[in-house]
C-alpha cells in the first residue's frame, strides 16, 4: 500500500520526523472536518493506515504522501509545512 514500518530502534531524529508528520496529518484532517475514514476514502488508503500514520507508527512513501495531500485538499508543501520547526529540538 505504499508505506514503511517505523523500526522500534530508529534514530531519535528520524522518529521525531515520523511523529511530527503524523501530528501534521491529524491537524490538517481535523481542520478539513474529516474523520480518519473520510480521509481514507478521499486518499484511497485504509483507515487503519491513516490511524497508524497519525500515531507515528507508519512512515508513508512519497507517493502515499501525495495521496494524503490530495485527500486533505492541500499541496505536498503544505502537508510538510512546519516539520523542520517541529523537530528542531531533536537535532
PDB file of N, CA and C in Angstrom:
ATOM      1  N   UNK A   1       0.821  -1.188   0.000  1.00  0.00           N
ATOM      2  CA  UNK A   1       0.000   0.000   0.000  1.00  0.00           C
ATOM      3  C   UNK A   1       0.860   1.244   0.000  1.00  0.00           C
ATOM      4  N   UNK A   2       2.140   1.113  -0.134  1.00  0.00           N
ATOM      5  CA  UNK A   2       2.984   2.299  -0.208  1.00  0.00           C
ATOM      6  C   UNK A   2       3.336   2.871   1.140  1.00  0.00           C
ATOM      7  N   UNK A   3       3.784   2.040   2.060  1.00  0.00           N
ATOM      8  CA  UNK A   3       4.144   2.555   3.368  1.00  0.00           C
ATOM      9  C   UNK A   3       5.321   1.762   3.901  1.00  0.00           C
ATOM     10  N   UNK A   4       5.987   2.295   4.873  1.00  0.00           N
ATOM     11  CA  UNK A   4       7.098   1.613   5.502  1.00  0.00           C
ATOM     12  C   UNK A   4       6.860   1.527   6.992  1.00  0.00           C
ATOM     13  N   UNK A   5       7.363   0.488   7.596  1.00  0.00           N
ATOM     14  CA  UNK A   5       7.227   0.315   9.034  1.00  0.00           C
ATOM     15  C   UNK A   5       8.320   1.090   9.739  1.00  0.00           C
ATOM     16  N   UNK A   6       7.985   1.735  10.828  1.00  0.00           N
ATOM     17  CA  UNK A   6       8.962   2.501  11.597  1.00  0.00           C
ATOM     18  C   UNK A   6       9.629   1.543  12.586  1.00  0.00           C
ATOM     19  N   UNK A   7      10.906   1.239  12.400  1.00  0.00           N
ATOM     20  CA  UNK A   7      11.573   0.319  13.312  1.00  0.00           C
ATOM     21  C   UNK A   7      11.610   0.878  14.726  1.00  0.00           C
ATOM     22  N   UNK A   8      11.435   0.003  15.731  1.00  0.00           N
ATOM     23  CA  UNK A   8      11.420   0.486  17.104  1.00  0.00           C
ATOM     24  C   UNK A   8      12.728   1.124  17.550  1.00  0.00           C
ATOM     25  N   UNK A   9      13.842   0.765  16.934  1.00  0.00           N
ATOM     26  CA  UNK A   9      15.144   1.286  17.357  1.00  0.00           C
ATOM     27  C   UNK A   9      15.728   2.268  16.350  1.00  0.00           C
ATOM     28  N   UNK A  10      14.894   3.085  15.758  1.00  0.00           N
ATOM     29  CA  UNK A  10      15.414   4.054  14.810  1.00  0.00           C
ATOM     30  C   UNK A  10      16.024   5.243  15.538  1.00  0.00           C
ATOM     31  N   UNK A  11      16.768   6.016  14.810  1.00  0.00           N
ATOM     32  CA  UNK A  11      17.403   7.191  15.402  1.00  0.00           C
ATOM     33  C   UNK A  11      16.338   8.151  15.923  1.00  0.00           C
ATOM     34  N   UNK A  12      16.593   8.805  17.055  1.00  0.00           N
ATOM     35  CA  UNK A  12      15.596   9.704  17.653  1.00  0.00           C
ATOM     36  C   UNK A  12      15.102  10.787  16.698  1.00  0.00           C
ATOM     37  N   UNK A  13      15.994  11.350  15.883  1.00  0.00           N
ATOM     38  CA  UNK A  13      15.560  12.399  14.944  1.00  0.00           C
ATOM     39  C   UNK A  13      14.603  11.828  13.907  1.00  0.00           C
ATOM     40  N   UNK A  14      14.897  10.640  13.392  1.00  0.00           N
ATOM     41  CA  UNK A  14      14.008  10.010  12.419  1.00  0.00           C
ATOM     42  C   UNK A  14      12.636   9.765  13.034  1.00  0.00           C
ATOM     43  N   UNK A  15      12.633   9.306  14.258  1.00  0.00           N
ATOM     44  CA  UNK A  15      11.368   9.052  14.965  1.00  0.00           C
ATOM     45  C   UNK A  15      10.601  10.364  15.149  1.00  0.00           C
ATOM     46  N   UNK A  16      11.300  11.426  15.475  1.00  0.00           N
ATOM     47  CA  UNK A  16      10.663  12.728  15.668  1.00  0.00           C
ATOM     48  C   UNK A  16      10.012  13.215  14.375  1.00  0.00           C
ATOM     49  N   UNK A  17      10.650  12.958  13.244  1.00  0.00           N
ATOM     50  CA  UNK A  17      10.088  13.352  11.953  1.00  0.00           C
ATOM     51  C   UNK A  17       8.776  12.613  11.698  1.00  0.00           C
ATOM     52  N   UNK A  18       8.776  11.310  11.939  1.00  0.00           N
ATOM     53  CA  UNK A  18       7.586  10.497  11.698  1.00  0.00           C
ATOM     54  C   UNK A  18       6.440  10.935  12.611  1.00  0.00           C
ATOM     55  N   UNK A  19       6.737  11.196  13.869  1.00  0.00           N
ATOM     56  CA  UNK A  19       5.715  11.635  14.820  1.00  0.00           C
ATOM     57  C   UNK A  19       5.189  13.018  14.435  1.00  0.00           C
ATOM     58  N   UNK A  20       6.088  13.939  14.079  1.00  0.00           N
ATOM     59  CA  UNK A  20       5.671  15.290  13.683  1.00  0.00           C
ATOM     60  C   UNK A  20       4.815  15.244  12.417  1.00  0.00           C
ATOM     61  N   UNK A  21       5.164  14.379  11.484  1.00  0.00           N
ATOM     62  CA  UNK A  21       4.374  14.250  10.267  1.00  0.00           C
ATOM     63  C   UNK A  21       2.970  13.743  10.605  1.00  0.00           C
ATOM     64  N   UNK A  22       2.879  12.764  11.466  1.00  0.00           N
ATOM     65  CA  UNK A  22       1.577  12.246  11.868  1.00  0.00           C
ATOM     66  C   UNK A  22       0.716  13.299  12.533  1.00  0.00           C
ATOM     67  N   UNK A  23       1.336  14.123  13.361  1.00  0.00           N
ATOM     68  CA  UNK A  23       0.603  15.203  14.015  1.00  0.00           C
ATOM     69  C   UNK A  23       0.114  16.219  12.994  1.00  0.00           C
ATOM     70  N   UNK A  24       0.927  16.471  11.964  1.00  0.00           N
ATOM     71  CA  UNK A  24       0.534  17.410  10.908  1.00  0.00           C
ATOM     72  C   UNK A  24      -0.654  16.859  10.112  1.00  0.00           C
ATOM     73  N   UNK A  25      -0.618  15.572   9.803  1.00  0.00           N
ATOM     74  CA  UNK A  25      -1.736  14.952   9.096  1.00  0.00           C
ATOM     75  C   UNK A  25      -3.011  15.091   9.927  1.00  0.00           C
ATOM     76  N   UNK A  26      -2.927  14.782  11.223  1.00  0.00           N
ATOM     77  CA  UNK A  26      -4.093  14.892  12.099  1.00  0.00           C
ATOM     78  C   UNK A  26      -4.610  16.335  12.140  1.00  0.00           C
ATOM     79  N   UNK A  27      -3.688  17.294  12.260  1.00  0.00           N
ATOM     80  CA  UNK A  27      -4.071  18.710  12.308  1.00  0.00           C
ATOM     81  C   UNK A  27      -4.829  19.113  11.044  1.00  0.00           C
ATOM     82  N   UNK A  28      -4.299  18.754   9.891  1.00  0.00           N
ATOM     83  CA  UNK A  28      -4.941  19.113   8.633  1.00  0.00           C
ATOM     84  C   UNK A  28      -6.256  18.364   8.435  1.00  0.00           C
ATOM     85  N   UNK A  29      -6.303  17.111   8.859  1.00  0.00           N
ATOM     86  CA  UNK A  29      -7.539  16.327   8.736  1.00  0.00           C
ATOM     87  C   UNK A  29      -8.649  16.955   9.555  1.00  0.00           C
ATOM     88  N   UNK A  30      -8.329  17.333  10.782  1.00  0.00           N
ATOM     89  CA  UNK A  30      -9.330  17.957  11.644  1.00  0.00           C
ATOM     90  C   UNK A  30      -9.753  19.319  11.099  1.00  0.00           C
ATOM     91  N   UNK A  31      -8.797  20.078  10.580  1.00  0.00           N
ATOM     92  CA  UNK A  31      -9.120  21.392  10.001  1.00  0.00           C
ATOM     93  C   UNK A  31     -10.054  21.242   8.798  1.00  0.00           C
ATOM     94  N   UNK A  32      -9.933  20.130   8.086  1.00  0.00           N
ATOM     95  CA  UNK A  32     -10.788  19.857   6.932  1.00  0.00           C
ATOM     96  C   UNK A  32     -12.104  19.197   7.357  1.00  0.00           C
ATOM     97  N   UNK A  33     -12.301  19.022   8.665  1.00  0.00           N
ATOM     98  CA  UNK A  33     -13.511  18.386   9.210  1.00  0.00           C
ATOM     99  C   UNK A  33     -13.717  16.983   8.643  1.00  0.00           C
ATOM    100  N   UNK A  34     -12.603  16.244   8.534  1.00  0.00           N
ATOM    101  CA  UNK A  34     -12.661  14.869   8.052  1.00  0.00           C
ATOM    102  C   UNK A  34     -12.411  13.896   9.189  1.00  0.00           C
ATOM    103  N   UNK A  35     -13.085  12.774   9.160  1.00  0.00           N
ATOM    104  CA  UNK A  35     -12.747  11.669  10.049  1.00  0.00           C
ATOM    105  C   UNK A  35     -11.600  10.902   9.401  1.00  0.00           C
ATOM    106  N   UNK A  36     -11.005   9.979  10.138  1.00  0.00           N
ATOM    107  CA  UNK A  36      -9.976   9.138   9.533  1.00  0.00           C
ATOM    108  C   UNK A  36     -10.567   8.334   8.384  1.00  0.00           C
ATOM    109  N   UNK A  37     -11.807   7.887   8.544  1.00  0.00           N
ATOM    110  CA  UNK A  37     -12.478   7.143   7.478  1.00  0.00           C
ATOM    111  C   UNK A  37     -12.711   8.029   6.254  1.00  0.00           C
ATOM    112  N   UNK A  38     -13.094   9.278   6.499  1.00  0.00           N
ATOM    113  CA  UNK A  38     -13.300  10.207   5.394  1.00  0.00           C
ATOM    114  C   UNK A  38     -12.026  10.476   4.627  1.00  0.00           C
ATOM    115  N   UNK A  39     -10.930  10.663   5.365  1.00  0.00           N
ATOM    116  CA  UNK A  39      -9.639  10.869   4.709  1.00  0.00           C
ATOM    117  C   UNK A  39      -9.214   9.613   3.965  1.00  0.00           C
ATOM    118  N   UNK A  40      -9.458   8.451   4.556  1.00  0.00           N
ATOM    119  CA  UNK A  40      -9.052   7.213   3.891  1.00  0.00           C
ATOM    120  C   UNK A  40      -9.784   7.056   2.560  1.00  0.00           C
ATOM    121  N   UNK A  41     -11.059   7.414   2.521  1.00  0.00           N
ATOM    122  CA  UNK A  41     -11.820   7.341   1.267  1.00  0.00           C
ATOM    123  C   UNK A  41     -11.294   8.369   0.259  1.00  0.00           C
ATOM    124  N   UNK A  42     -11.057   9.590   0.723  1.00  0.00           N
ATOM    125  CA  UNK A  42     -10.592  10.655  -0.166  1.00  0.00           C
ATOM    126  C   UNK A  42      -9.205  10.365  -0.731  1.00  0.00           C
ATOM    127  N   UNK A  43      -8.364   9.700   0.062  1.00  0.00           N
ATOM    128  CA  UNK A  43      -6.986   9.435  -0.357  1.00  0.00           C
ATOM    129  C   UNK A  43      -6.811   8.045  -0.963  1.00  0.00           C
ATOM    130  N   UNK A  44      -7.831   7.207  -0.852  1.00  0.00           N
ATOM    131  CA  UNK A  44      -7.713   5.845  -1.364  1.00  0.00           C
ATOM    132  C   UNK A  44      -6.793   4.980  -0.528  1.00  0.00           C
ATOM    133  N   UNK A  45      -6.807   5.209   0.771  1.00  0.00           N
ATOM    134  CA  UNK A  45      -5.972   4.452   1.701  1.00  0.00           C
ATOM    135  C   UNK A  45      -6.860   3.821   2.768  1.00  0.00           C
ATOM    136  N   UNK A  46      -6.365   2.843   3.470  1.00  0.00           N
ATOM    137  CA  UNK A  46      -7.132   2.185   4.529  1.00  0.00           C
ATOM    138  C   UNK A  46      -7.160   3.066   5.776  1.00  0.00           C
ATOM    139  N   UNK A  47      -8.288   3.075   6.470  1.00  0.00           N
ATOM    140  CA  UNK A  47      -8.433   3.893   7.677  1.00  0.00           C
ATOM    141  C   UNK A  47      -7.422   3.511   8.750  1.00  0.00           C
ATOM    142  N   UNK A  48      -7.081   2.240   8.845  1.00  0.00           N
ATOM    143  CA  UNK A  48      -6.080   1.803   9.818  1.00  0.00           C
ATOM    144  C   UNK A  48      -4.723   2.410   9.496  1.00  0.00           C
ATOM    145  N   UNK A  49      -4.419   2.517   8.210  1.00  0.00           N
ATOM    146  CA  UNK A  49      -3.164   3.138   7.802  1.00  0.00           C
ATOM    147  C   UNK A  49      -3.141   4.600   8.222  1.00  0.00           C
ATOM    148  N   UNK A  50      -4.244   5.313   8.014  1.00  0.00           N
ATOM    149  CA  UNK A  50      -4.335   6.720   8.422  1.00  0.00           C
ATOM    150  C   UNK A  50      -4.083   6.833   9.920  1.00  0.00           C
ATOM    151  N   UNK A  51      -4.715   5.974  10.691  1.00  0.00           N
ATOM    152  CA  UNK A  51      -4.534   5.975  12.145  1.00  0.00           C
ATOM    153  C   UNK A  51      -3.073   5.737  12.514  1.00  0.00           C
ATOM    154  N   UNK A  52      -2.450   4.779  11.856  1.00  0.00           N
ATOM    155  CA  UNK A  52      -1.052   4.464  12.155  1.00  0.00           C
ATOM    156  C   UNK A  52      -0.111   5.598  11.771  1.00  0.00           C
ATOM    157  N   UNK A  53      -0.403   6.300  10.683  1.00  0.00           N
ATOM    158  CA  UNK A  53       0.410   7.463  10.290  1.00  0.00           C
ATOM    159  C   UNK A  53       0.271   8.541  11.355  1.00  0.00           C
ATOM    160  N   UNK A  54      -0.963   8.827  11.753  1.00  0.00           N
ATOM    161  CA  UNK A  54      -1.190   9.893  12.732  1.00  0.00           C
ATOM    162  C   UNK A  54      -0.526   9.595  14.076  1.00  0.00           C
ATOM    163  N   UNK A  55      -0.410   8.337  14.421  1.00  0.00           N
ATOM    164  CA  UNK A  55       0.229   7.973  15.690  1.00  0.00           C
ATOM    165  C   UNK A  55       1.735   7.770  15.562  1.00  0.00           C
ATOM    166  N   UNK A  56       2.266   7.963  14.360  1.00  0.00           N
ATOM    167  CA  UNK A  56       3.702   7.833  14.157  1.00  0.00           C
ATOM    168  C   UNK A  56       4.181   6.403  14.079  1.00  0.00           C
ATOM    169  N   UNK A  57       3.268   5.473  13.745  1.00  0.00           N
ATOM    170  CA  UNK A  57       3.631   4.060  13.649  1.00  0.00           C
ATOM    171  C   UNK A  57       4.018   3.646  12.232  1.00  0.00           C
ATOM    172  N   UNK A  58       3.658   4.457  11.243  1.00  0.00           N
ATOM    173  CA  UNK A  58       3.965   4.135   9.852  1.00  0.00           C
ATOM    174  C   UNK A  58       4.632   5.321   9.182  1.00  0.00           C
ATOM    175  N   UNK A  59       5.547   5.022   8.285  1.00  0.00           N
ATOM    176  CA  UNK A  59       6.244   6.045   7.520  1.00  0.00           C
ATOM    177  C   UNK A  59       5.777   5.951   6.075  1.00  0.00           C
ATOM    178  N   UNK A  60       4.985   6.918   5.620  1.00  0.00           N
ATOM    179  CA  UNK A  60       4.491   6.835   4.243  1.00  0.00           C
ATOM    180  C   UNK A  60       5.577   7.145   3.222  1.00  0.00           C
ATOM    181  N   UNK A  61       5.434   6.534   2.054  1.00  0.00           N
ATOM    182  CA  UNK A  61       6.319   6.843   0.932  1.00  0.00           C
ATOM    183  C   UNK A  61       5.910   8.187   0.339  1.00  0.00           C
ATOM    184  N   UNK A  62       6.718   8.694  -0.557  1.00  0.00           N
ATOM    185  CA  UNK A  62       6.410   9.960  -1.204  1.00  0.00           C
ATOM    186  C   UNK A  62       5.090   9.874  -1.963  1.00  0.00           C
ATOM    187  N   UNK A  63       4.862   8.786  -2.678  1.00  0.00           N
ATOM    188  CA  UNK A  63       3.607   8.658  -3.431  1.00  0.00           C
ATOM    189  C   UNK A  63       2.408   8.606  -2.483  1.00  0.00           C
ATOM    190  N   UNK A  64       2.564   7.987  -1.337  1.00  0.00           N
ATOM    191  CA  UNK A  64       1.477   7.954  -0.355  1.00  0.00           C
ATOM    192  C   UNK A  64       1.270   9.327   0.266  1.00  0.00           C
ATOM    193  N   UNK A  65       2.341  10.068   0.475  1.00  0.00           N
ATOM    194  CA  UNK A  65       2.211  11.431   0.985  1.00  0.00           C
ATOM    195  C   UNK A  65       1.428  12.290  -0.006  1.00  0.00           C
ATOM    196  N   UNK A  66       1.654  12.095  -1.294  1.00  0.00           N
ATOM    197  CA  UNK A  66       0.897  12.820  -2.312  1.00  0.00           C
ATOM    198  C   UNK A  66      -0.585  12.461  -2.248  1.00  0.00           C
ATOM    199  N   UNK A  67      -0.881  11.192  -2.017  1.00  0.00           N
ATOM    200  CA  UNK A  67      -2.278  10.767  -1.877  1.00  0.00           C
ATOM    201  C   UNK A  67      -2.912  11.396  -0.648  1.00  0.00           C
ATOM    202  N   UNK A  68      -2.157  11.464   0.445  1.00  0.00           N
ATOM    203  CA  UNK A  68      -2.672  12.112   1.653  1.00  0.00           C
ATOM    204  C   UNK A  68      -2.938  13.594   1.401  1.00  0.00           C
ATOM    205  N   UNK A  69      -1.993  14.259   0.756  1.00  0.00           N
ATOM    206  CA  UNK A  69      -2.163  15.686   0.455  1.00  0.00           C
ATOM    207  C   UNK A  69      -3.407  15.908  -0.405  1.00  0.00           C
ATOM    208  N   UNK A  70      -3.571  15.103  -1.429  1.00  0.00           N
ATOM    209  CA  UNK A  70      -4.742  15.227  -2.295  1.00  0.00           C
ATOM    210  C   UNK A  70      -6.028  14.990  -1.505  1.00  0.00           C
ATOM    211  N   UNK A  71      -6.028  13.972  -0.650  1.00  0.00           N
ATOM    212  CA  UNK A  71      -7.199  13.674   0.158  1.00  0.00           C
ATOM    213  C   UNK A  71      -7.539  14.794   1.133  1.00  0.00           C
ATOM    214  N   UNK A  72      -6.517  15.502   1.586  1.00  0.00           N
ATOM    215  CA  UNK A  72      -6.706  16.620   2.510  1.00  0.00           C
ATOM    216  C   UNK A  72      -7.000  17.935   1.783  1.00  0.00           C
ATOM    217  N   UNK A  73      -6.817  17.933   0.470  1.00  0.00           N
ATOM    218  CA  UNK A  73      -7.047  19.151  -0.302  1.00  0.00           C
ATOM    219  C   UNK A  73      -5.961  20.188  -0.129  1.00  0.00           C
ATOM    220  N   UNK A  74      -4.728  19.714   0.095  1.00  0.00           N
ATOM    221  CA  UNK A  74      -3.586  20.610   0.256  1.00  0.00           C
ATOM    222  C   UNK A  74      -2.473  20.166  -0.683  1.00  0.00           C
ATOM    223  N   UNK A  75      -1.466  21.031  -0.843  1.00  0.00           N
ATOM    224  CA  UNK A  75      -0.292  20.642  -1.619  1.00  0.00           C
ATOM    225  C   UNK A  75       0.636  19.817  -0.739  1.00  0.00           C
ATOM    226  N   UNK A  76       1.573  19.149  -1.375  1.00  0.00           N
ATOM    227  CA  UNK A  76       2.565  18.402  -0.611  1.00  0.00           C
ATOM    228  C   UNK A  76       3.367  19.347   0.276  1.00  0.00           C
ATOM    229  N   UNK A  77       3.672  20.540  -0.253  1.00  0.00           N
ATOM    230  CA  UNK A  77       4.420  21.522   0.535  1.00  0.00           C
ATOM    231  C   UNK A  77       3.643  21.909   1.799  1.00  0.00           C
ATOM    232  N   UNK A  78       2.338  22.094   1.662  1.00  0.00           N
ATOM    233  CA  UNK A  78       1.518  22.431   2.829  1.00  0.00           C
ATOM    234  C   UNK A  78       1.471  21.275   3.820  1.00  0.00           C
ATOM    235  N   UNK A  79       1.473  20.059   3.297  1.00  0.00           N
ATOM    236  CA  UNK A  79       1.429  18.884   4.170  1.00  0.00           C
ATOM    237  C   UNK A  79       2.658  18.800   5.063  1.00  0.00           C
ATOM    238  N   UNK A  80       3.823  19.140   4.530  1.00  0.00           N
ATOM    239  CA  UNK A  80       5.051  19.025   5.310  1.00  0.00           C
ATOM    240  C   UNK A  80       5.474  20.345   5.947  1.00  0.00           C
ATOM    241  N   UNK A  81       4.684  21.384   5.743  1.00  0.00           N
ATOM    242  CA  UNK A  81       4.998  22.696   6.301  1.00  0.00           C
ATOM    243  C   UNK A  81       5.147  22.629   7.828  1.00  0.00           C
ATOM    244  N   UNK A  82       6.231  23.199   8.318  1.00  0.00           N
ATOM    245  CA  UNK A  82       6.455  23.266   9.754  1.00  0.00           C
ATOM    246  C   UNK A  82       7.143  22.059  10.366  1.00  0.00           C
ATOM    247  N   UNK A  83       7.400  21.011   9.581  1.00  0.00           N
ATOM    248  CA  UNK A  83       8.034  19.822  10.157  1.00  0.00           C
ATOM    249  C   UNK A  83       9.444  20.110  10.656  1.00  0.00           C
ATOM    250  N   UNK A  84      10.179  20.942   9.948  1.00  0.00           N
ATOM    251  CA  UNK A  84      11.542  21.257  10.379  1.00  0.00           C
ATOM    252  C   UNK A  84      11.543  21.935  11.735  1.00  0.00           C
ATOM    253  N   UNK A  85      10.596  22.844  11.945  1.00  0.00           N
ATOM    254  CA  UNK A  85      10.484  23.515  13.243  1.00  0.00           C
ATOM    255  C   UNK A  85      10.081  22.533  14.332  1.00  0.00           C
ATOM    256  N   UNK A  86       9.194  21.605  13.989  1.00  0.00           N
ATOM    257  CA  UNK A  86       8.692  20.655  14.973  1.00  0.00           C
ATOM    258  C   UNK A  86       9.787  19.714  15.472  1.00  0.00           C
ATOM    259  N   UNK A  87      10.788  19.462  14.627  1.00  0.00           N
ATOM    260  CA  UNK A  87      11.843  18.522  15.031  1.00  0.00           C
ATOM    261  C   UNK A  87      13.148  19.220  15.396  1.00  0.00           C
ATOM    262  N   UNK A  88      13.176  20.528  15.383  1.00  0.00           N
ATOM    263  CA  UNK A  88      14.406  21.285  15.662  1.00  0.00           C
ATOM    264  C   UNK A  88      15.014  20.929  17.012  1.00  0.00           C
ATOM    265  N   UNK A  89      14.197  20.640  17.976  1.00  0.00           N
ATOM    266  CA  UNK A  89      14.696  20.315  19.324  1.00  0.00           C
ATOM    267  C   UNK A  89      15.367  18.958  19.371  1.00  0.00           C
ATOM    268  N   UNK A  90      15.110  18.114  18.384  1.00  0.00           N
ATOM    269  CA  UNK A  90      15.676  16.762  18.362  1.00  0.00           C
ATOM    270  C   UNK A  90      17.064  16.728  17.752  1.00  0.00           C
ATOM    271  N   UNK A  91      17.449  17.799  17.074  1.00  0.00           N
ATOM    272  CA  UNK A  91      18.743  17.824  16.365  1.00  0.00           C
ATOM    273  C   UNK A  91      19.912  17.825  17.303  1.00  0.00           C
TER     274      UNK A  91
END
